[in-house]
Amino acid sequence: EGQTSLEALKGLGQVKFYNFGTIPELNAFLRGIDAAQGALDALPVD
């Protein structure tokens, strides 16, 4: 709905930061988050 404030989002759920060594590792992680939708309500953002 347009909220991008880290503090506001932390008040509603969790926000975690992840670092990866390579782009393929990052892409695999993002695909995993996407595949888990329905069982896991999560959204990768930048």
PDB file of all heavy atoms in Angstrom:
ATOM      1  N   GLU A   1       0.820  -1.219   0.000  1.00  0.00           N
ATOM      2  CA  GLU A   1       0.000   0.000   0.000  1.00  0.00           C
ATOM      3  C   GLU A   1       0.851   1.265   0.000  1.00  0.00           C
ATOM      4  O   GLU A   1       0.321   2.366   0.100  1.00  0.00           O
ATOM      5  CB  GLU A   1      -0.941  -0.015   1.202  1.00  0.00           C
ATOM      6  CG  GLU A   1      -2.003  -1.101   1.096  1.00  0.00           C
ATOM      7  CD  GLU A   1      -2.826  -1.257   2.360  1.00  0.00           C
ATOM      8  OE1 GLU A   1      -2.630  -0.486   3.336  1.00  0.00           O
ATOM      9  OE2 GLU A   1      -3.666  -2.169   2.383  1.00  0.00           O
ATOM     10  N   GLY A   2       2.191   1.113  -0.079  1.00  0.00           N
ATOM     11  CA  GLY A   2       3.062   2.271  -0.213  1.00  0.00           C
ATOM     12  C   GLY A   2       3.965   2.578   0.965  1.00  0.00           C
ATOM     13  O   GLY A   2       4.770   3.507   0.904  1.00  0.00           O
ATOM     14  N   GLN A   3       3.876   1.828   2.046  1.00  0.00           N
ATOM     15  CA  GLN A   3       4.725   2.079   3.215  1.00  0.00           C
ATOM     16  C   GLN A   3       6.130   1.538   2.952  1.00  0.00           C
ATOM     17  O   GLN A   3       6.285   0.351   2.673  1.00  0.00           O
ATOM     18  CB  GLN A   3       4.137   1.408   4.448  1.00  0.00           C
ATOM     19  CG  GLN A   3       4.939   1.572   5.712  1.00  0.00           C
ATOM     20  CD  GLN A   3       5.096   3.018   6.116  1.00  0.00           C
ATOM     21  OE1 GLN A   3       6.125   3.639   5.841  1.00  0.00           O
ATOM     22  NE2 GLN A   3       4.072   3.554   6.750  1.00  0.00           N
ATOM     23  N   THR A   4       7.151   2.390   3.023  1.00  0.00           N
ATOM     24  CA  THR A   4       8.522   1.931   2.816  1.00  0.00           C
ATOM     25  C   THR A   4       9.420   2.201   4.018  1.00  0.00           C
ATOM     26  O   THR A   4      10.604   1.906   3.981  1.00  0.00           O
ATOM     27  CB  THR A   4       9.155   2.587   1.562  1.00  0.00           C
ATOM     28  OG1 THR A   4       9.162   4.011   1.743  1.00  0.00           O
ATOM     29  CG2 THR A   4       8.403   2.203   0.306  1.00  0.00           C
ATOM     30  N   SER A   5       8.862   2.740   5.099  1.00  0.00           N
ATOM     31  CA  SER A   5       9.647   3.042   6.287  1.00  0.00           C
ATOM     32  C   SER A   5      10.036   1.749   7.003  1.00  0.00           C
ATOM     33  O   SER A   5       9.178   0.951   7.393  1.00  0.00           O
ATOM     34  CB  SER A   5       8.840   3.923   7.238  1.00  0.00           C
ATOM     35  OG  SER A   5       9.439   3.947   8.521  1.00  0.00           O
ATOM     36  N   LEU A   6      11.318   1.579   7.206  1.00  0.00           N
ATOM     37  CA  LEU A   6      11.822   0.390   7.893  1.00  0.00           C
ATOM     38  C   LEU A   6      11.214   0.273   9.285  1.00  0.00           C
ATOM     39  O   LEU A   6      10.751  -0.792   9.677  1.00  0.00           O
ATOM     40  CB  LEU A   6      13.353   0.441   7.968  1.00  0.00           C
ATOM     41  CG  LEU A   6      14.037  -0.684   8.732  1.00  0.00           C
ATOM     42  CD1 LEU A   6      13.751  -2.034   8.097  1.00  0.00           C
ATOM     43  CD2 LEU A   6      15.529  -0.439   8.822  1.00  0.00           C
ATOM     44  N   GLU A   7      11.188   1.366  10.032  1.00  0.00           N
ATOM     45  CA  GLU A   7      10.655   1.329  11.403  1.00  0.00           C
ATOM     46  C   GLU A   7       9.166   0.992  11.419  1.00  0.00           C
ATOM     47  O   GLU A   7       8.711   0.213  12.248  1.00  0.00           O
ATOM     48  CB  GLU A   7      10.918   2.657  12.113  1.00  0.00           C
ATOM     49  CG  GLU A   7      12.380   2.880  12.433  1.00  0.00           C
ATOM     50  CD  GLU A   7      13.009   1.750  13.243  1.00  0.00           C
ATOM     51  OE1 GLU A   7      12.398   1.287  14.227  1.00  0.00           O
ATOM     52  OE2 GLU A   7      14.107   1.316  12.877  1.00  0.00           O
ATOM     53  N   ALA A   8       8.400   1.563  10.507  1.00  0.00           N
ATOM     54  CA  ALA A   8       6.961   1.276  10.456  1.00  0.00           C
ATOM     55  C   ALA A   8       6.721  -0.188  10.116  1.00  0.00           C
ATOM     56  O   ALA A   8       5.866  -0.842  10.710  1.00  0.00           O
ATOM     57  CB  ALA A   8       6.278   2.175   9.431  1.00  0.00           C
ATOM     58  N   LEU A   9       7.488  -0.722   9.166  1.00  0.00           N
ATOM     59  CA  LEU A   9       7.317  -2.120   8.767  1.00  0.00           C
ATOM     60  C   LEU A   9       7.744  -3.066   9.880  1.00  0.00           C
ATOM     61  O   LEU A   9       7.130  -4.111  10.081  1.00  0.00           O
ATOM     62  CB  LEU A   9       8.078  -2.408   7.474  1.00  0.00           C
ATOM     63  CG  LEU A   9       7.525  -1.675   6.251  1.00  0.00           C
ATOM     64  CD1 LEU A   9       8.476  -1.809   5.073  1.00  0.00           C
ATOM     65  CD2 LEU A   9       6.141  -2.183   5.893  1.00  0.00           C
ATOM     66  N   LYS A  10       8.789  -2.693  10.628  1.00  0.00           N
ATOM     67  CA  LYS A  10       9.219  -3.525  11.761  1.00  0.00           C
ATOM     68  C   LYS A  10       8.140  -3.586  12.840  1.00  0.00           C
ATOM     69  O   LYS A  10       8.051  -4.565  13.562  1.00  0.00           O
ATOM     70  CB  LYS A  10      10.511  -2.976  12.370  1.00  0.00           C
ATOM     71  CG  LYS A  10      11.749  -3.362  11.623  1.00  0.00           C
ATOM     72  CD  LYS A  10      12.954  -2.827  12.377  1.00  0.00           C
ATOM     73  CE  LYS A  10      14.227  -3.452  11.927  1.00  0.00           C
ATOM     74  NZ  LYS A  10      15.380  -2.936  12.687  1.00  0.00           N
ATOM     75  N   GLY A  11       7.324  -2.541  12.950  1.00  0.00           N
ATOM     76  CA  GLY A  11       6.229  -2.541  13.911  1.00  0.00           C
ATOM     77  C   GLY A  11       5.097  -3.478  13.506  1.00  0.00           C
ATOM     78  O   GLY A  11       4.273  -3.852  14.331  1.00  0.00           O
ATOM     79  N   LEU A  12       5.064  -3.863  12.235  1.00  0.00           N
ATOM     80  CA  LEU A  12       4.001  -4.728  11.725  1.00  0.00           C
ATOM     81  C   LEU A  12       4.463  -6.165  11.475  1.00  0.00           C
ATOM     82  O   LEU A  12       3.641  -7.066  11.340  1.00  0.00           O
ATOM     83  CB  LEU A  12       3.460  -4.146  10.413  1.00  0.00           C
ATOM     84  CG  LEU A  12       2.826  -2.769  10.527  1.00  0.00           C
ATOM     85  CD1 LEU A  12       2.563  -2.203   9.147  1.00  0.00           C
ATOM     86  CD2 LEU A  12       1.539  -2.848  11.342  1.00  0.00           C
ATOM     87  N   GLY A  13       5.751  -6.370  11.371  1.00  0.00           N
ATOM     88  CA  GLY A  13       6.311  -7.695  11.085  1.00  0.00           C
ATOM     89  C   GLY A  13       7.820  -7.635  11.219  1.00  0.00           C
ATOM     90  O   GLY A  13       8.350  -6.730  11.852  1.00  0.00           O
ATOM     91  N   GLN A  14       8.497  -8.558  10.602  1.00  0.00           N
ATOM     92  CA  GLN A  14       9.957  -8.574  10.643  1.00  0.00           C
ATOM     93  C   GLN A  14      10.519  -8.085   9.320  1.00  0.00           C
ATOM     94  O   GLN A  14       9.937  -8.308   8.263  1.00  0.00           O
ATOM     95  CB  GLN A  14      10.479  -9.980  10.892  1.00  0.00           C
ATOM     96  CG  GLN A  14      10.195 -10.511  12.262  1.00  0.00           C
ATOM     97  CD  GLN A  14      10.864 -11.866  12.469  1.00  0.00           C
ATOM     98  OE1 GLN A  14      11.427 -12.454  11.564  1.00  0.00           O
ATOM     99  NE2 GLN A  14      10.801 -12.359  13.683  1.00  0.00           N
ATOM    100  N   VAL A  15      11.682  -7.432   9.404  1.00  0.00           N
ATOM    101  CA  VAL A  15      12.433  -7.057   8.211  1.00  0.00           C
ATOM    102  C   VAL A  15      13.858  -7.544   8.447  1.00  0.00           C
ATOM    103  O   VAL A  15      14.491  -7.187   9.437  1.00  0.00           O
ATOM    104  CB  VAL A  15      12.427  -5.540   7.968  1.00  0.00           C
ATOM    105  CG1 VAL A  15      13.247  -5.200   6.725  1.00  0.00           C
ATOM    106  CG2 VAL A  15      11.004  -5.013   7.829  1.00  0.00           C
ATOM    107  N   LYS A  16      14.333  -8.397   7.551  1.00  0.00           N
ATOM    108  CA  LYS A  16      15.683  -8.939   7.677  1.00  0.00           C
ATOM    109  C   LYS A  16      16.474  -8.614   6.415  1.00  0.00           C
ATOM    110  O   LYS A  16      15.920  -8.562   5.327  1.00  0.00           O
ATOM    111  CB  LYS A  16      15.653 -10.444   7.893  1.00  0.00           C
ATOM    112  CG  LYS A  16      15.033 -10.836   9.218  1.00  0.00           C
ATOM    113  CD  LYS A  16      15.150 -12.316   9.454  1.00  0.00           C
ATOM    114  CE  LYS A  16      14.562 -12.674  10.803  1.00  0.00           C
ATOM    115  NZ  LYS A  16      14.720 -14.089  11.114  1.00  0.00           N
ATOM    116  N   PHE A  17      17.770  -8.415   6.590  1.00  0.00           N
ATOM    117  CA  PHE A  17      18.665  -8.109   5.481  1.00  0.00           C
ATOM    118  C   PHE A  17      19.568  -9.314   5.220  1.00  0.00           C
ATOM    119  O   PHE A  17      20.052  -9.953   6.155  1.00  0.00           O
ATOM    120  CB  PHE A  17      19.512  -6.882   5.810  1.00  0.00           C
ATOM    121  CG  PHE A  17      18.688  -5.635   5.942  1.00  0.00           C
ATOM    122  CD1 PHE A  17      18.097  -5.298   7.153  1.00  0.00           C
ATOM    123  CD2 PHE A  17      18.482  -4.814   4.856  1.00  0.00           C
ATOM    124  CE1 PHE A  17      17.321  -4.164   7.276  1.00  0.00           C
ATOM    125  CE2 PHE A  17      17.709  -3.674   4.961  1.00  0.00           C
ATOM    126  CZ  PHE A  17      17.123  -3.350   6.181  1.00  0.00           C
ATOM    127  N   TYR A  18      19.762  -9.622   3.951  1.00  0.00           N
ATOM    128  CA  TYR A  18      20.565 -10.770   3.550  1.00  0.00           C
ATOM    129  C   TYR A  18      21.621 -10.339   2.544  1.00  0.00           C
ATOM    130  O   TYR A  18      21.336  -9.550   1.641  1.00  0.00           O
ATOM    131  CB  TYR A  18      19.680 -11.847   2.915  1.00  0.00           C
ATOM    132  CG  TYR A  18      18.649 -12.410   3.862  1.00  0.00           C
ATOM    133  CD1 TYR A  18      17.373 -11.862   3.945  1.00  0.00           C
ATOM    134  CD2 TYR A  18      18.952 -13.492   4.684  1.00  0.00           C
ATOM    135  CE1 TYR A  18      16.428 -12.376   4.819  1.00  0.00           C
ATOM    136  CE2 TYR A  18      18.010 -14.011   5.557  1.00  0.00           C
ATOM    137  CZ  TYR A  18      16.752 -13.445   5.620  1.00  0.00           C
ATOM    138  OH  TYR A  18      15.819 -13.956   6.488  1.00  0.00           O
ATOM    139  N   ASN A  19      22.831 -10.861   2.697  1.00  0.00           N
ATOM    140  CA  ASN A  19      23.936 -10.595   1.779  1.00  0.00           C
ATOM    141  C   ASN A  19      24.374 -11.901   1.126  1.00  0.00           C
ATOM    142  O   ASN A  19      24.388 -12.947   1.787  1.00  0.00           O
ATOM    143  CB  ASN A  19      25.138 -10.009   2.528  1.00  0.00           C
ATOM    144  CG  ASN A  19      24.867  -8.631   3.041  1.00  0.00           C
ATOM    145  OD1 ASN A  19      24.700  -7.711   2.258  1.00  0.00           O
ATOM    146  ND2 ASN A  19      24.789  -8.488   4.355  1.00  0.00           N
ATOM    147  N   PHE A  20      24.748 -11.821  -0.128  1.00  0.00           N
ATOM    148  CA  PHE A  20      25.168 -13.005  -0.874  1.00  0.00           C
ATOM    149  C   PHE A  20      26.476 -12.714  -1.597  1.00  0.00           C
ATOM    150  O   PHE A  20      26.744 -11.568  -1.972  1.00  0.00           O
ATOM    151  CB  PHE A  20      24.082 -13.414  -1.877  1.00  0.00           C
ATOM    152  CG  PHE A  20      22.778 -13.713  -1.199  1.00  0.00           C
ATOM    153  CD1 PHE A  20      21.826 -12.723  -1.020  1.00  0.00           C
ATOM    154  CD2 PHE A  20      22.525 -14.973  -0.694  1.00  0.00           C
ATOM    155  CE1 PHE A  20      20.640 -12.984  -0.367  1.00  0.00           C
ATOM    156  CE2 PHE A  20      21.340 -15.242  -0.030  1.00  0.00           C
ATOM    157  CZ  PHE A  20      20.398 -14.249   0.133  1.00  0.00           C
ATOM    158  N   GLY A  21      27.255 -13.751  -1.809  1.00  0.00           N
ATOM    159  CA  GLY A  21      28.549 -13.598  -2.464  1.00  0.00           C
ATOM    160  C   GLY A  21      28.452 -13.399  -3.965  1.00  0.00           C
ATOM    161  O   GLY A  21      29.319 -12.768  -4.564  1.00  0.00           O
ATOM    162  N   THR A  22      27.400 -13.937  -4.557  1.00  0.00           N
ATOM    163  CA  THR A  22      27.271 -13.859  -6.013  1.00  0.00           C
ATOM    164  C   THR A  22      25.822 -13.589  -6.412  1.00  0.00           C
ATOM    165  O   THR A  22      24.898 -13.817  -5.632  1.00  0.00           O
ATOM    166  CB  THR A  22      27.706 -15.178  -6.689  1.00  0.00           C
ATOM    167  OG1 THR A  22      26.787 -16.206  -6.304  1.00  0.00           O
ATOM    168  CG2 THR A  22      29.131 -15.563  -6.320  1.00  0.00           C
ATOM    169  N   ILE A  23      25.642 -13.135  -7.618  1.00  0.00           N
ATOM    170  CA  ILE A  23      24.301 -12.908  -8.152  1.00  0.00           C
ATOM    171  C   ILE A  23      23.511 -14.216  -8.255  1.00  0.00           C
ATOM    172  O   ILE A  23      22.333 -14.243  -7.904  1.00  0.00           O
ATOM    173  CB  ILE A  23      24.361 -12.173  -9.509  1.00  0.00           C
ATOM    174  CG1 ILE A  23      24.827 -10.740  -9.272  1.00  0.00           C
ATOM    175  CG2 ILE A  23      23.012 -12.174 -10.203  1.00  0.00           C
ATOM    176  CD1 ILE A  23      25.072  -9.943 -10.530  1.00  0.00           C
ATOM    177  N   PRO A  24      24.111 -15.339  -8.713  1.00  0.00           N
ATOM    178  CA  PRO A  24      23.340 -16.586  -8.739  1.00  0.00           C
ATOM    179  C   PRO A  24      22.821 -17.002  -7.357  1.00  0.00           C
ATOM    180  O   PRO A  24      21.707 -17.519  -7.243  1.00  0.00           O
ATOM    181  CB  PRO A  24      24.323 -17.613  -9.305  1.00  0.00           C
ATOM    182  CG  PRO A  24      25.239 -16.807 -10.174  1.00  0.00           C
ATOM    183  CD  PRO A  24      25.404 -15.510  -9.416  1.00  0.00           C
ATOM    184  N   GLU A  25      23.589 -16.770  -6.307  1.00  0.00           N
ATOM    185  CA  GLU A  25      23.112 -17.084  -4.952  1.00  0.00           C
ATOM    186  C   GLU A  25      21.927 -16.200  -4.579  1.00  0.00           C
ATOM    187  O   GLU A  25      20.937 -16.682  -4.029  1.00  0.00           O
ATOM    188  CB  GLU A  25      24.236 -16.875  -3.935  1.00  0.00           C
ATOM    189  CG  GLU A  25      25.334 -17.905  -4.006  1.00  0.00           C
ATOM    190  CD  GLU A  25      26.499 -17.571  -3.094  1.00  0.00           C
ATOM    191  OE1 GLU A  25      26.784 -16.383  -2.848  1.00  0.00           O
ATOM    192  OE2 GLU A  25      27.124 -18.521  -2.607  1.00  0.00           O
ATOM    193  N   LEU A  26      22.020 -14.915  -4.872  1.00  0.00           N
ATOM    194  CA  LEU A  26      20.921 -13.991  -4.609  1.00  0.00           C
ATOM    195  C   LEU A  26      19.682 -14.407  -5.387  1.00  0.00           C
ATOM    196  O   LEU A  26      18.574 -14.460  -4.839  1.00  0.00           O
ATOM    197  CB  LEU A  26      21.321 -12.563  -4.967  1.00  0.00           C
ATOM    198  CG  LEU A  26      20.216 -11.499  -4.928  1.00  0.00           C
ATOM    199  CD1 LEU A  26      19.596 -11.391  -3.541  1.00  0.00           C
ATOM    200  CD2 LEU A  26      20.754 -10.161  -5.400  1.00  0.00           C
ATOM    201  N   ASN A  27      19.851 -14.723  -6.665  1.00  0.00           N
ATOM    202  CA  ASN A  27      18.711 -15.132  -7.495  1.00  0.00           C
ATOM    203  C   ASN A  27      18.060 -16.409  -6.973  1.00  0.00           C
ATOM    204  O   ASN A  27      16.832 -16.529  -6.975  1.00  0.00           O
ATOM    205  CB  ASN A  27      19.139 -15.306  -8.951  1.00  0.00           C
ATOM    206  CG  ASN A  27      19.415 -13.979  -9.619  1.00  0.00           C
ATOM    207  OD1 ASN A  27      18.947 -12.932  -9.176  1.00  0.00           O
ATOM    208  ND2 ASN A  27      20.186 -14.000 -10.688  1.00  0.00           N
ATOM    209  N   ALA A  28      18.865 -17.366  -6.524  1.00  0.00           N
ATOM    210  CA  ALA A  28      18.314 -18.607  -5.970  1.00  0.00           C
ATOM    211  C   ALA A  28      17.496 -18.313  -4.708  1.00  0.00           C
ATOM    212  O   ALA A  28      16.418 -18.885  -4.505  1.00  0.00           O
ATOM    213  CB  ALA A  28      19.436 -19.593  -5.669  1.00  0.00           C
ATOM    214  N   PHE A  29      17.996 -17.424  -3.865  1.00  0.00           N
ATOM    215  CA  PHE A  29      17.269 -17.032  -2.659  1.00  0.00           C
ATOM    216  C   PHE A  29      15.930 -16.392  -3.027  1.00  0.00           C
ATOM    217  O   PHE A  29      14.887 -16.730  -2.455  1.00  0.00           O
ATOM    218  CB  PHE A  29      18.124 -16.072  -1.838  1.00  0.00           C
ATOM    219  CG  PHE A  29      17.440 -15.547  -0.610  1.00  0.00           C
ATOM    220  CD1 PHE A  29      17.316 -16.333   0.525  1.00  0.00           C
ATOM    221  CD2 PHE A  29      16.927 -14.265  -0.580  1.00  0.00           C
ATOM    222  CE1 PHE A  29      16.680 -15.858   1.659  1.00  0.00           C
ATOM    223  CE2 PHE A  29      16.297 -13.769   0.544  1.00  0.00           C
ATOM    224  CZ  PHE A  29      16.180 -14.564   1.670  1.00  0.00           C
ATOM    225  N   LEU A  30      15.949 -15.476  -3.988  1.00  0.00           N
ATOM    226  CA  LEU A  30      14.723 -14.799  -4.409  1.00  0.00           C
ATOM    227  C   LEU A  30      13.722 -15.785  -4.995  1.00  0.00           C
ATOM    228  O   LEU A  30      12.517 -15.681  -4.743  1.00  0.00           O
ATOM    229  CB  LEU A  30      15.042 -13.689  -5.411  1.00  0.00           C
ATOM    230  CG  LEU A  30      15.869 -12.529  -4.859  1.00  0.00           C
ATOM    231  CD1 LEU A  30      16.245 -11.568  -5.986  1.00  0.00           C
ATOM    232  CD2 LEU A  30      15.162 -11.820  -3.735  1.00  0.00           C
ATOM    233  N   ARG A  31      14.207 -16.759  -5.755  1.00  0.00           N
ATOM    234  CA  ARG A  31      13.311 -17.791  -6.297  1.00  0.00           C
ATOM    235  C   ARG A  31      12.707 -18.630  -5.169  1.00  0.00           C
ATOM    236  O   ARG A  31      11.548 -19.037  -5.232  1.00  0.00           O
ATOM    237  CB  ARG A  31      14.058 -18.681  -7.273  1.00  0.00           C
ATOM    238  CG  ARG A  31      14.271 -18.010  -8.610  1.00  0.00           C
ATOM    239  CD  ARG A  31      14.820 -18.979  -9.656  1.00  0.00           C
ATOM    240  NE  ARG A  31      15.496 -18.222 -10.678  1.00  0.00           N
ATOM    241  CZ  ARG A  31      16.811 -18.197 -10.872  1.00  0.00           C
ATOM    242  NH1 ARG A  31      17.610 -18.923 -10.118  1.00  0.00           N
ATOM    243  NH2 ARG A  31      17.323 -17.458 -11.826  1.00  0.00           N
ATOM    244  N   GLY A  32      13.487 -18.906  -4.141  1.00  0.00           N
ATOM    245  CA  GLY A  32      12.989 -19.657  -2.992  1.00  0.00           C
ATOM    246  C   GLY A  32      11.895 -18.902  -2.249  1.00  0.00           C
ATOM    247  O   GLY A  32      10.882 -19.484  -1.855  1.00  0.00           O
ATOM    248  N   ILE A  33      12.093 -17.600  -2.055  1.00  0.00           N
ATOM    249  CA  ILE A  33      11.058 -16.768  -1.419  1.00  0.00           C
ATOM    250  C   ILE A  33       9.794 -16.798  -2.269  1.00  0.00           C
ATOM    251  O   ILE A  33       8.681 -16.960  -1.764  1.00  0.00           O
ATOM    252  CB  ILE A  33      11.543 -15.316  -1.232  1.00  0.00           C
ATOM    253  CG1 ILE A  33      12.688 -15.242  -0.231  1.00  0.00           C
ATOM    254  CG2 ILE A  33      10.399 -14.401  -0.827  1.00  0.00           C
ATOM    255  CD1 ILE A  33      12.299 -15.418   1.206  1.00  0.00           C
ATOM    256  N   ASP A  34       9.955 -16.654  -3.581  1.00  0.00           N
ATOM    257  CA  ASP A  34       8.810 -16.662  -4.493  1.00  0.00           C
ATOM    258  C   ASP A  34       8.080 -18.008  -4.452  1.00  0.00           C
ATOM    259  O   ASP A  34       6.856 -18.062  -4.416  1.00  0.00           O
ATOM    260  CB  ASP A  34       9.275 -16.347  -5.914  1.00  0.00           C
ATOM    261  CG  ASP A  34       8.121 -16.142  -6.868  1.00  0.00           C
ATOM    262  OD1 ASP A  34       7.176 -15.415  -6.505  1.00  0.00           O
ATOM    263  OD2 ASP A  34       8.174 -16.707  -7.971  1.00  0.00           O
ATOM    264  N   ALA A  35       8.832 -19.105  -4.417  1.00  0.00           N
ATOM    265  CA  ALA A  35       8.232 -20.437  -4.405  1.00  0.00           C
ATOM    266  C   ALA A  35       7.488 -20.717  -3.101  1.00  0.00           C
ATOM    267  O   ALA A  35       6.537 -21.496  -3.083  1.00  0.00           O
ATOM    268  CB  ALA A  35       9.305 -21.497  -4.629  1.00  0.00           C
ATOM    269  N   ALA A  36       7.908 -20.072  -2.012  1.00  0.00           N
ATOM    270  CA  ALA A  36       7.294 -20.309  -0.702  1.00  0.00           C
ATOM    271  C   ALA A  36       6.028 -19.477  -0.479  1.00  0.00           C
ATOM    272  O   ALA A  36       5.383 -19.624   0.559  1.00  0.00           O
ATOM    273  CB  ALA A  36       8.303 -20.017   0.396  1.00  0.00           C
ATOM    274  N   GLN A  37       5.678 -18.614  -1.412  1.00  0.00           N
ATOM    275  CA  GLN A  37       4.479 -17.789  -1.240  1.00  0.00           C
ATOM    276  C   GLN A  37       3.262 -18.689  -1.029  1.00  0.00           C
ATOM    277  O   GLN A  37       3.101 -19.694  -1.697  1.00  0.00           O
ATOM    278  CB  GLN A  37       4.263 -16.872  -2.442  1.00  0.00           C
ATOM    279  CG  GLN A  37       5.286 -15.766  -2.547  1.00  0.00           C
ATOM    280  CD  GLN A  37       5.361 -14.900  -1.300  1.00  0.00           C
ATOM    281  OE1 GLN A  37       4.354 -14.462  -0.774  1.00  0.00           O
ATOM    282  NE2 GLN A  37       6.570 -14.673  -0.835  1.00  0.00           N
ATOM    283  N   GLY A  38       2.453 -18.307  -0.094  1.00  0.00           N
ATOM    284  CA  GLY A  38       1.298 -19.122   0.296  1.00  0.00           C
ATOM    285  C   GLY A  38       1.571 -19.766   1.639  1.00  0.00           C
ATOM    286  O   GLY A  38       0.760 -19.678   2.543  1.00  0.00           O
ATOM    287  N   ALA A  39       2.729 -20.390   1.785  1.00  0.00           N
ATOM    288  CA  ALA A  39       3.122 -20.967   3.064  1.00  0.00           C
ATOM    289  C   ALA A  39       3.877 -19.921   3.899  1.00  0.00           C
ATOM    290  O   ALA A  39       3.882 -19.972   5.115  1.00  0.00           O
ATOM    291  CB  ALA A  39       4.007 -22.188   2.854  1.00  0.00           C
ATOM    292  N   LEU A  40       4.495 -18.978   3.222  1.00  0.00           N
ATOM    293  CA  LEU A  40       5.298 -17.949   3.871  1.00  0.00           C
ATOM    294  C   LEU A  40       4.915 -16.608   3.260  1.00  0.00           C
ATOM    295  O   LEU A  40       5.013 -16.429   2.052  1.00  0.00           O
ATOM    296  CB  LEU A  40       6.788 -18.223   3.631  1.00  0.00           C
ATOM    297  CG  LEU A  40       7.790 -17.191   4.074  1.00  0.00           C
ATOM    298  CD1 LEU A  40       7.831 -17.133   5.602  1.00  0.00           C
ATOM    299  CD2 LEU A  40       9.175 -17.526   3.545  1.00  0.00           C
ATOM    300  N   ASP A  41       4.464 -15.685   4.092  1.00  0.00           N
ATOM    301  CA  ASP A  41       4.122 -14.356   3.584  1.00  0.00           C
ATOM    302  C   ASP A  41       5.344 -13.472   3.722  1.00  0.00           C
ATOM    303  O   ASP A  41       5.622 -12.928   4.779  1.00  0.00           O
ATOM    304  CB  ASP A  41       2.936 -13.777   4.355  1.00  0.00           C
ATOM    305  CG  ASP A  41       2.195 -12.727   3.538  1.00  0.00           C
ATOM    306  OD1 ASP A  41       2.606 -12.472   2.389  1.00  0.00           O
ATOM    307  OD2 ASP A  41       1.207 -12.193   4.036  1.00  0.00           O
ATOM    308  N   ALA A  42       6.125 -13.389   2.654  1.00  0.00           N
ATOM    309  CA  ALA A  42       7.370 -12.624   2.654  1.00  0.00           C
ATOM    310  C   ALA A  42       7.533 -11.929   1.306  1.00  0.00           C
ATOM    311  O   ALA A  42       7.046 -12.417   0.289  1.00  0.00           O
ATOM    312  CB  ALA A  42       8.550 -13.544   2.914  1.00  0.00           C
ATOM    313  N   LEU A  43       8.250 -10.808   1.338  1.00  0.00           N
ATOM    314  CA  LEU A  43       8.433 -10.033   0.118  1.00  0.00           C
ATOM    315  C   LEU A  43       9.844  -9.454   0.097  1.00  0.00           C
ATOM    316  O   LEU A  43      10.201  -8.668   0.976  1.00  0.00           O
ATOM    317  CB  LEU A  43       7.397  -8.901   0.077  1.00  0.00           C
ATOM    318  CG  LEU A  43       7.420  -8.005  -1.142  1.00  0.00           C
ATOM    319  CD1 LEU A  43       6.988  -8.791  -2.386  1.00  0.00           C
ATOM    320  CD2 LEU A  43       6.486  -6.824  -0.920  1.00  0.00           C
ATOM    321  N   PRO A  44      10.669  -9.828  -0.884  1.00  0.00           N
ATOM    322  CA  PRO A  44      11.996  -9.219  -0.999  1.00  0.00           C
ATOM    323  C   PRO A  44      11.868  -7.836  -1.630  1.00  0.00           C
ATOM    324  O   PRO A  44      11.120  -7.655  -2.590  1.00  0.00           O
ATOM    325  CB  PRO A  44      12.759 -10.184  -1.903  1.00  0.00           C
ATOM    326  CG  PRO A  44      11.725 -10.939  -2.652  1.00  0.00           C
ATOM    327  CD  PRO A  44      10.474 -10.908  -1.836  1.00  0.00           C
ATOM    328  N   VAL A  45      12.586  -6.850  -1.069  1.00  0.00           N
ATOM    329  CA  VAL A  45      12.508  -5.473  -1.551  1.00  0.00           C
ATOM    330  C   VAL A  45      13.895  -4.836  -1.541  1.00  0.00           C
ATOM    331  O   VAL A  45      14.818  -5.323  -0.900  1.00  0.00           O
ATOM    332  CB  VAL A  45      11.544  -4.628  -0.685  1.00  0.00           C
ATOM    333  CG1 VAL A  45      10.136  -5.185  -0.743  1.00  0.00           C
ATOM    334  CG2 VAL A  45      12.013  -4.536   0.747  1.00  0.00           C
ATOM    335  N   ASP A  46      14.009  -3.729  -2.251  1.00  0.00           N
ATOM    336  CA  ASP A  46      15.281  -2.995  -2.245  1.00  0.00           C
ATOM    337  C   ASP A  46      15.078  -1.483  -2.171  1.00  0.00           C
ATOM    338  O   ASP A  46      15.931  -0.718  -2.565  1.00  0.00           O
ATOM    339  CB  ASP A  46      16.117  -3.352  -3.476  1.00  0.00           C
ATOM    340  CG  ASP A  46      15.462  -2.907  -4.774  1.00  0.00           C
ATOM    341  OD1 ASP A  46      14.341  -2.378  -4.733  1.00  0.00           O
ATOM    342  OD2 ASP A  46      16.082  -3.095  -5.824  1.00  0.00           O
TER     343      ASP A  46
END
